[in-house]
PDB file of N, CA and C in Angstrom:
ATOM      1  N   UNK A   1     -41.774  18.576  28.521  1.00  0.00           N
ATOM      2  CA  UNK A   1     -41.135  17.280  28.624  1.00  0.00           C
ATOM      3  C   UNK A   1     -39.860  17.308  27.780  1.00  0.00           C
ATOM      4  N   UNK A   2     -38.703  16.955  28.352  1.00  0.00           N
ATOM      5  CA  UNK A   2     -37.450  16.990  27.592  1.00  0.00           C
ATOM      6  C   UNK A   2     -37.410  15.884  26.548  1.00  0.00           C
ATOM      7  N   UNK A   3     -36.695  16.152  25.462  1.00  0.00           N
ATOM      8  CA  UNK A   3     -36.531  15.152  24.396  1.00  0.00           C
ATOM      9  C   UNK A   3     -35.629  14.037  24.905  1.00  0.00           C
ATOM     10  N   UNK A   4     -35.921  12.796  24.495  1.00  0.00           N
ATOM     11  CA  UNK A   4     -35.064  11.685  24.916  1.00  0.00           C
ATOM     12  C   UNK A   4     -33.667  11.866  24.338  1.00  0.00           C
ATOM     13  N   UNK A   5     -32.667  11.402  25.064  1.00  0.00           N
ATOM     14  CA  UNK A   5     -31.294  11.541  24.534  1.00  0.00           C
ATOM     15  C   UNK A   5     -31.163  10.757  23.236  1.00  0.00           C
ATOM     16  N   UNK A   6     -30.472  11.351  22.294  1.00  0.00           N
ATOM     17  CA  UNK A   6     -30.293  10.657  21.018  1.00  0.00           C
ATOM     18  C   UNK A   6     -29.272   9.547  21.198  1.00  0.00           C
ATOM     19  N   UNK A   7     -29.540   8.439  20.546  1.00  0.00           N
ATOM     20  CA  UNK A   7     -28.592   7.325  20.646  1.00  0.00           C
ATOM     21  C   UNK A   7     -27.435   7.590  19.691  1.00  0.00           C
ATOM     22  N   UNK A   8     -26.239   7.221  20.088  1.00  0.00           N
ATOM     23  CA  UNK A   8     -25.093   7.443  19.195  1.00  0.00           C
ATOM     24  C   UNK A   8     -25.230   6.574  17.955  1.00  0.00           C
ATOM     25  N   UNK A   9     -24.820   7.123  16.830  1.00  0.00           N
ATOM     26  CA  UNK A   9     -24.909   6.337  15.599  1.00  0.00           C
ATOM     27  C   UNK A   9     -23.840   5.254  15.614  1.00  0.00           C
ATOM     28  N   UNK A  10     -24.217   4.099  15.138  1.00  0.00           N
ATOM     29  CA  UNK A  10     -23.288   2.973  15.090  1.00  0.00           C
ATOM     30  C   UNK A  10     -22.499   3.040  13.790  1.00  0.00           C
ATOM     31  N   UNK A  11     -21.200   2.745  13.845  1.00  0.00           N
ATOM     32  CA  UNK A  11     -20.412   2.753  12.608  1.00  0.00           C
ATOM     33  C   UNK A  11     -20.800   1.575  11.720  1.00  0.00           C
ATOM     34  N   UNK A  12     -20.586   1.741  10.451  1.00  0.00           N
ATOM     35  CA  UNK A  12     -20.829   0.635   9.532  1.00  0.00           C
ATOM     36  C   UNK A  12     -19.787  -0.449   9.782  1.00  0.00           C
ATOM     37  N   UNK A  13     -20.062  -1.625   9.300  1.00  0.00           N
ATOM     38  CA  UNK A  13     -19.121  -2.731   9.469  1.00  0.00           C
ATOM     39  C   UNK A  13     -17.781  -2.406   8.817  1.00  0.00           C
ATOM     40  N   UNK A  14     -17.835  -1.863   7.607  1.00  0.00           N
ATOM     41  CA  UNK A  14     -16.567  -1.543   6.933  1.00  0.00           C
ATOM     42  C   UNK A  14     -15.813  -0.448   7.687  1.00  0.00           C
ATOM     43  N   UNK A  15     -16.550   0.532   8.223  1.00  0.00           N
ATOM     44  CA  UNK A  15     -15.897   1.578   9.014  1.00  0.00           C
ATOM     45  C   UNK A  15     -15.257   1.013  10.265  1.00  0.00           C
ATOM     46  N   UNK A  16     -15.953   0.082  10.907  1.00  0.00           N
ATOM     47  CA  UNK A  16     -15.410  -0.540  12.111  1.00  0.00           C
ATOM     48  C   UNK A  16     -14.165  -1.356  11.779  1.00  0.00           C
ATOM     49  N   UNK A  17     -14.204  -2.083  10.665  1.00  0.00           N
ATOM     50  CA  UNK A  17     -13.033  -2.880  10.273  1.00  0.00           C
ATOM     51  C   UNK A  17     -11.841  -1.992   9.934  1.00  0.00           C
ATOM     52  N   UNK A  18     -12.108  -0.874   9.274  1.00  0.00           N
ATOM     53  CA  UNK A  18     -11.021   0.054   8.960  1.00  0.00           C
ATOM     54  C   UNK A  18     -10.423   0.643  10.236  1.00  0.00           C
ATOM     55  N   UNK A  19     -11.266   0.918  11.234  1.00  0.00           N
ATOM     56  CA  UNK A  19     -10.766   1.450  12.499  1.00  0.00           C
ATOM     57  C   UNK A  19      -9.892   0.425  13.206  1.00  0.00           C
ATOM     58  N   UNK A  20     -10.318  -0.829  13.224  1.00  0.00           N
ATOM     59  CA  UNK A  20      -9.518  -1.885  13.850  1.00  0.00           C
ATOM     60  C   UNK A  20      -8.212  -2.065  13.089  1.00  0.00           C
ATOM     61  N   UNK A  21      -8.314  -2.034  11.763  1.00  0.00           N
ATOM     62  CA  UNK A  21      -7.118  -2.177  10.930  1.00  0.00           C
ATOM     63  C   UNK A  21      -6.113  -1.068  11.243  1.00  0.00           C
ATOM     64  N   UNK A  22      -6.585   0.152  11.377  1.00  0.00           N
ATOM     65  CA  UNK A  22      -5.662   1.261  11.634  1.00  0.00           C
ATOM     66  C   UNK A  22      -5.007   1.131  13.007  1.00  0.00           C
ATOM     67  N   UNK A  23      -5.715   0.525  13.958  1.00  0.00           N
ATOM     68  CA  UNK A  23      -5.123   0.318  15.284  1.00  0.00           C
ATOM     69  C   UNK A  23      -4.075  -0.791  15.272  1.00  0.00           C
ATOM     70  N   UNK A  24      -4.332  -1.837  14.497  1.00  0.00           N
ATOM     71  CA  UNK A  24      -3.462  -3.013  14.522  1.00  0.00           C
ATOM     72  C   UNK A  24      -2.285  -2.933  13.557  1.00  0.00           C
ATOM     73  N   UNK A  25      -2.482  -2.283  12.439  1.00  0.00           N
ATOM     74  CA  UNK A  25      -1.450  -2.286  11.407  1.00  0.00           C
ATOM     75  C   UNK A  25      -0.873  -0.896  11.207  1.00  0.00           C
ATOM     76  N   UNK A  26       0.404  -0.852  10.941  1.00  0.00           N
ATOM     77  CA  UNK A  26       1.034   0.419  10.585  1.00  0.00           C
ATOM     78  C   UNK A  26       0.666   0.779   9.158  1.00  0.00           C
ATOM     79  N   UNK A  27       1.000   1.993   8.753  1.00  0.00           N
ATOM     80  CA  UNK A  27       0.653   2.467   7.417  1.00  0.00           C
ATOM     81  C   UNK A  27       1.198   1.591   6.308  1.00  0.00           C
ATOM     82  N   UNK A  28       2.447   1.163   6.440  1.00  0.00           N
ATOM     83  CA  UNK A  28       3.049   0.325   5.405  1.00  0.00           C
ATOM     84  C   UNK A  28       2.374  -1.024   5.298  1.00  0.00           C
ATOM     85  N   UNK A  29       2.005  -1.579   6.438  1.00  0.00           N
ATOM     86  CA  UNK A  29       1.323  -2.876   6.414  1.00  0.00           C
ATOM     87  C   UNK A  29      -0.065  -2.741   5.797  1.00  0.00           C
ATOM     88  N   UNK A  30      -0.737  -1.648   6.089  1.00  0.00           N
ATOM     89  CA  UNK A  30      -2.060  -1.427   5.489  1.00  0.00           C
ATOM     90  C   UNK A  30      -1.940  -1.337   3.980  1.00  0.00           C
ATOM     91  N   UNK A  31      -0.946  -0.590   3.523  1.00  0.00           N
ATOM     92  CA  UNK A  31      -0.742  -0.437   2.080  1.00  0.00           C
ATOM     93  C   UNK A  31      -0.424  -1.785   1.449  1.00  0.00           C
ATOM     94  N   UNK A  32       0.427  -2.566   2.088  1.00  0.00           N
ATOM     95  CA  UNK A  32       0.792  -3.877   1.550  1.00  0.00           C
ATOM     96  C   UNK A  32      -0.429  -4.793   1.486  1.00  0.00           C
ATOM     97  N   UNK A  33      -1.253  -4.772   2.520  1.00  0.00           N
ATOM     98  CA  UNK A  33      -2.444  -5.612   2.534  1.00  0.00           C
ATOM     99  C   UNK A  33      -3.411  -5.190   1.435  1.00  0.00           C
ATOM    100  N   UNK A  34      -3.590  -3.907   1.278  1.00  0.00           N
ATOM    101  CA  UNK A  34      -4.504  -3.426   0.232  1.00  0.00           C
ATOM    102  C   UNK A  34      -3.963  -3.744  -1.157  1.00  0.00           C
ATOM    103  N   UNK A  35      -2.655  -3.607  -1.335  1.00  0.00           N
ATOM    104  CA  UNK A  35      -2.060  -3.962  -2.625  1.00  0.00           C
ATOM    105  C   UNK A  35      -2.239  -5.449  -2.908  1.00  0.00           C
ATOM    106  N   UNK A  36      -2.053  -6.271  -1.881  1.00  0.00           N
ATOM    107  CA  UNK A  36      -2.228  -7.716  -2.054  1.00  0.00           C
ATOM    108  C   UNK A  36      -3.673  -8.030  -2.434  1.00  0.00           C
ATOM    109  N   UNK A  37      -4.632  -7.385  -1.770  1.00  0.00           N
ATOM    110  CA  UNK A  37      -6.039  -7.630  -2.080  1.00  0.00           C
ATOM    111  C   UNK A  37      -6.361  -7.172  -3.497  1.00  0.00           C
ATOM    112  N   UNK A  38      -5.812  -6.046  -3.920  1.00  0.00           N
ATOM    113  CA  UNK A  38      -6.016  -5.577  -5.286  1.00  0.00           C
ATOM    114  C   UNK A  38      -5.473  -6.602  -6.281  1.00  0.00           C
ATOM    115  N   UNK A  39      -4.334  -7.202  -5.962  1.00  0.00           N
ATOM    116  CA  UNK A  39      -3.760  -8.237  -6.832  1.00  0.00           C
ATOM    117  C   UNK A  39      -4.654  -9.466  -6.902  1.00  0.00           C
ATOM    118  N   UNK A  40      -5.218  -9.859  -5.770  1.00  0.00           N
ATOM    119  CA  UNK A  40      -6.137 -11.004  -5.743  1.00  0.00           C
ATOM    120  C   UNK A  40      -7.340 -10.723  -6.644  1.00  0.00           C
ATOM    121  N   UNK A  41      -7.917  -9.535  -6.518  1.00  0.00           N
ATOM    122  CA  UNK A  41      -9.076  -9.192  -7.343  1.00  0.00           C
ATOM    123  C   UNK A  41      -8.717  -9.179  -8.825  1.00  0.00           C
ATOM    124  N   UNK A  42      -7.533  -8.671  -9.158  1.00  0.00           N
ATOM    125  CA  UNK A  42      -7.094  -8.640 -10.552  1.00  0.00           C
ATOM    126  C   UNK A  42      -6.857 -10.055 -11.074  1.00  0.00           C
ATOM    127  N   UNK A  43      -6.266 -10.933 -10.255  1.00  0.00           N
ATOM    128  CA  UNK A  43      -6.078 -12.330 -10.663  1.00  0.00           C
ATOM    129  C   UNK A  43      -7.414 -13.007 -10.932  1.00  0.00           C
ATOM    130  N   UNK A  44      -8.401 -12.732 -10.091  1.00  0.00           N
ATOM    131  CA  UNK A  44      -9.729 -13.310 -10.289  1.00  0.00           C
ATOM    132  C   UNK A  44     -10.344 -12.802 -11.593  1.00  0.00           C
ATOM    133  N   UNK A  45     -10.165 -11.507 -11.884  1.00  0.00           N
ATOM    134  CA  UNK A  45     -10.698 -10.954 -13.122  1.00  0.00           C
ATOM    135  C   UNK A  45     -10.045 -11.621 -14.336  1.00  0.00           C
ATOM    136  N   UNK A  46      -8.713 -11.782 -14.281  1.00  0.00           N
ATOM    137  CA  UNK A  46      -8.014 -12.431 -15.405  1.00  0.00           C
ATOM    138  C   UNK A  46      -8.459 -13.883 -15.558  1.00  0.00           C
ATOM    139  N   UNK A  47      -8.704 -14.577 -14.448  1.00  0.00           N
ATOM    140  CA  UNK A  47      -9.172 -15.961 -14.521  1.00  0.00           C
ATOM    141  C   UNK A  47     -10.545 -16.032 -15.189  1.00  0.00           C
ATOM    142  N   UNK A  48     -11.435 -15.090 -14.826  1.00  0.00           N
ATOM    143  CA  UNK A  48     -12.755 -15.057 -15.479  1.00  0.00           C
ATOM    144  C   UNK A  48     -12.605 -14.792 -16.975  1.00  0.00           C
ATOM    145  N   UNK A  49     -11.689 -13.894 -17.331  1.00  0.00           N
ATOM    146  CA  UNK A  49     -11.448 -13.601 -18.754  1.00  0.00           C
ATOM    147  C   UNK A  49     -10.936 -14.834 -19.487  1.00  0.00           C
ATOM    148  N   UNK A  50     -10.004 -15.568 -18.864  1.00  0.00           N
ATOM    149  CA  UNK A  50      -9.470 -16.783 -19.500  1.00  0.00           C
ATOM    150  C   UNK A  50     -10.568 -17.818 -19.714  1.00  0.00           C
ATOM    151  N   UNK A  51     -11.442 -17.970 -18.721  1.00  0.00           N
ATOM    152  CA  UNK A  51     -12.539 -18.929 -18.847  1.00  0.00           C
ATOM    153  C   UNK A  51     -13.450 -18.531 -19.995  1.00  0.00           C
ATOM    154  N   UNK A  52     -13.759 -17.248 -20.098  1.00  0.00           N
ATOM    155  CA  UNK A  52     -14.637 -16.775 -21.172  1.00  0.00           C
ATOM    156  C   UNK A  52     -13.995 -16.997 -22.540  1.00  0.00           C
ATOM    157  N   UNK A  53     -12.703 -16.711 -22.664  1.00  0.00           N
ATOM    158  CA  UNK A  53     -12.006 -16.934 -23.939  1.00  0.00           C
ATOM    159  C   UNK A  53     -12.012 -18.417 -24.285  1.00  0.00           C
ATOM    160  N   UNK A  54     -11.801 -19.277 -23.288  1.00  0.00           N
ATOM    161  CA  UNK A  54     -11.804 -20.715 -23.547  1.00  0.00           C
ATOM    162  C   UNK A  54     -13.176 -21.177 -24.022  1.00  0.00           C
ATOM    163  N   UNK A  55     -14.239 -20.628 -23.445  1.00  0.00           N
ATOM    164  CA  UNK A  55     -15.597 -20.986 -23.891  1.00  0.00           C
ATOM    165  C   UNK A  55     -15.813 -20.581 -25.340  1.00  0.00           C
ATOM    166  N   UNK A  56     -15.339 -19.397 -25.705  1.00  0.00           N
ATOM    167  CA  UNK A  56     -15.486 -18.939 -27.094  1.00  0.00           C
ATOM    168  C   UNK A  56     -14.692 -19.837 -28.024  1.00  0.00           C
ATOM    169  N   UNK A  57     -13.466 -20.163 -27.645  1.00  0.00           N
ATOM    170  CA  UNK A  57     -12.636 -21.023 -28.496  1.00  0.00           C
ATOM    171  C   UNK A  57     -13.231 -22.421 -28.628  1.00  0.00           C
ATOM    172  N   UNK A  58     -13.816 -22.934 -27.556  1.00  0.00           N
ATOM    173  CA  UNK A  58     -14.438 -24.260 -27.618  1.00  0.00           C
ATOM    174  C   UNK A  58     -15.675 -24.263 -28.509  1.00  0.00           C
ATOM    175  N   UNK A  59     -16.326 -23.107 -28.649  1.00  0.00           N
ATOM    176  CA  UNK A  59     -17.538 -23.026 -29.453  1.00  0.00           C
ATOM    177  C   UNK A  59     -17.234 -22.916 -30.950  1.00  0.00           C
ATOM    178  N   UNK A  60     -16.016 -22.498 -31.307  1.00  0.00           N
ATOM    179  CA  UNK A  60     -15.631 -22.344 -32.704  1.00  0.00           C
ATOM    180  C   UNK A  60     -15.227 -23.721 -33.235  1.00  0.00           C
ATOM    181  N   UNK A  61     -15.812 -24.117 -34.386  1.00  0.00           N
ATOM    182  CA  UNK A  61     -15.415 -25.413 -34.946  1.00  0.00           C
ATOM    183  C   UNK A  61     -13.938 -25.414 -35.333  1.00  0.00           C
ATOM    184  N   UNK A  62     -13.301 -26.528 -35.151  1.00  0.00           N
ATOM    185  CA  UNK A  62     -11.872 -26.646 -35.465  1.00  0.00           C
ATOM    186  C   UNK A  62     -11.677 -26.589 -36.971  1.00  0.00           C
ATOM    187  N   UNK A  63     -10.666 -25.839 -37.399  1.00  0.00           N
ATOM    188  CA  UNK A  63     -10.329 -25.743 -38.819  1.00  0.00           C
ATOM    189  C   UNK A  63      -9.543 -26.991 -39.198  1.00  0.00           C
ATOM    190  N   UNK A  64      -9.721 -27.462 -40.434  1.00  0.00           N
ATOM    191  CA  UNK A  64      -8.927 -28.627 -40.874  1.00  0.00           C
ATOM    192  C   UNK A  64      -7.446 -28.283 -40.910  1.00  0.00           C
ATOM    193  N   UNK A  65      -6.639 -29.255 -40.588  1.00  0.00           N
ATOM    194  CA  UNK A  65      -5.174 -29.046 -40.571  1.00  0.00           C
ATOM    195  C   UNK A  65      -4.688 -28.835 -41.997  1.00  0.00           C
ATOM    196  N   UNK A  66      -3.752 -27.892 -42.118  1.00  0.00           N
ATOM    197  CA  UNK A  66      -3.158 -27.608 -43.426  1.00  0.00           C
ATOM    198  C   UNK A  66      -1.992 -28.556 -43.657  1.00  0.00           C
ATOM    199  N   UNK A  67      -1.894 -29.051 -44.888  1.00  0.00           N
ATOM    200  CA  UNK A  67      -0.762 -29.934 -45.230  1.00  0.00           C
ATOM    201  C   UNK A  67       0.205 -29.156 -46.108  1.00  0.00           C
ATOM    202  N   UNK A  68       1.476 -29.372 -45.886  1.00  0.00           N
ATOM    203  CA  UNK A  68       2.458 -28.659 -46.700  1.00  0.00           C
ATOM    204  C   UNK A  68       3.035 -29.557 -47.768  1.00  0.00           C
TER     205      UNK A  68
END
């Protein structure tokens, strides 16, 4: 009895999106989009850092004002 034909492997979602991206966008546009996304992620990281610093500063009791 012959073995059943193997089914073709399906690409992952990210692989499929990259394939569509390569068809639709030229190399420069892909680079620009990836750079923009990297900037978005970095902005989000800096925003999280600012929030954390603000929480720490809010937790520290205020020092009395110095008079000259």
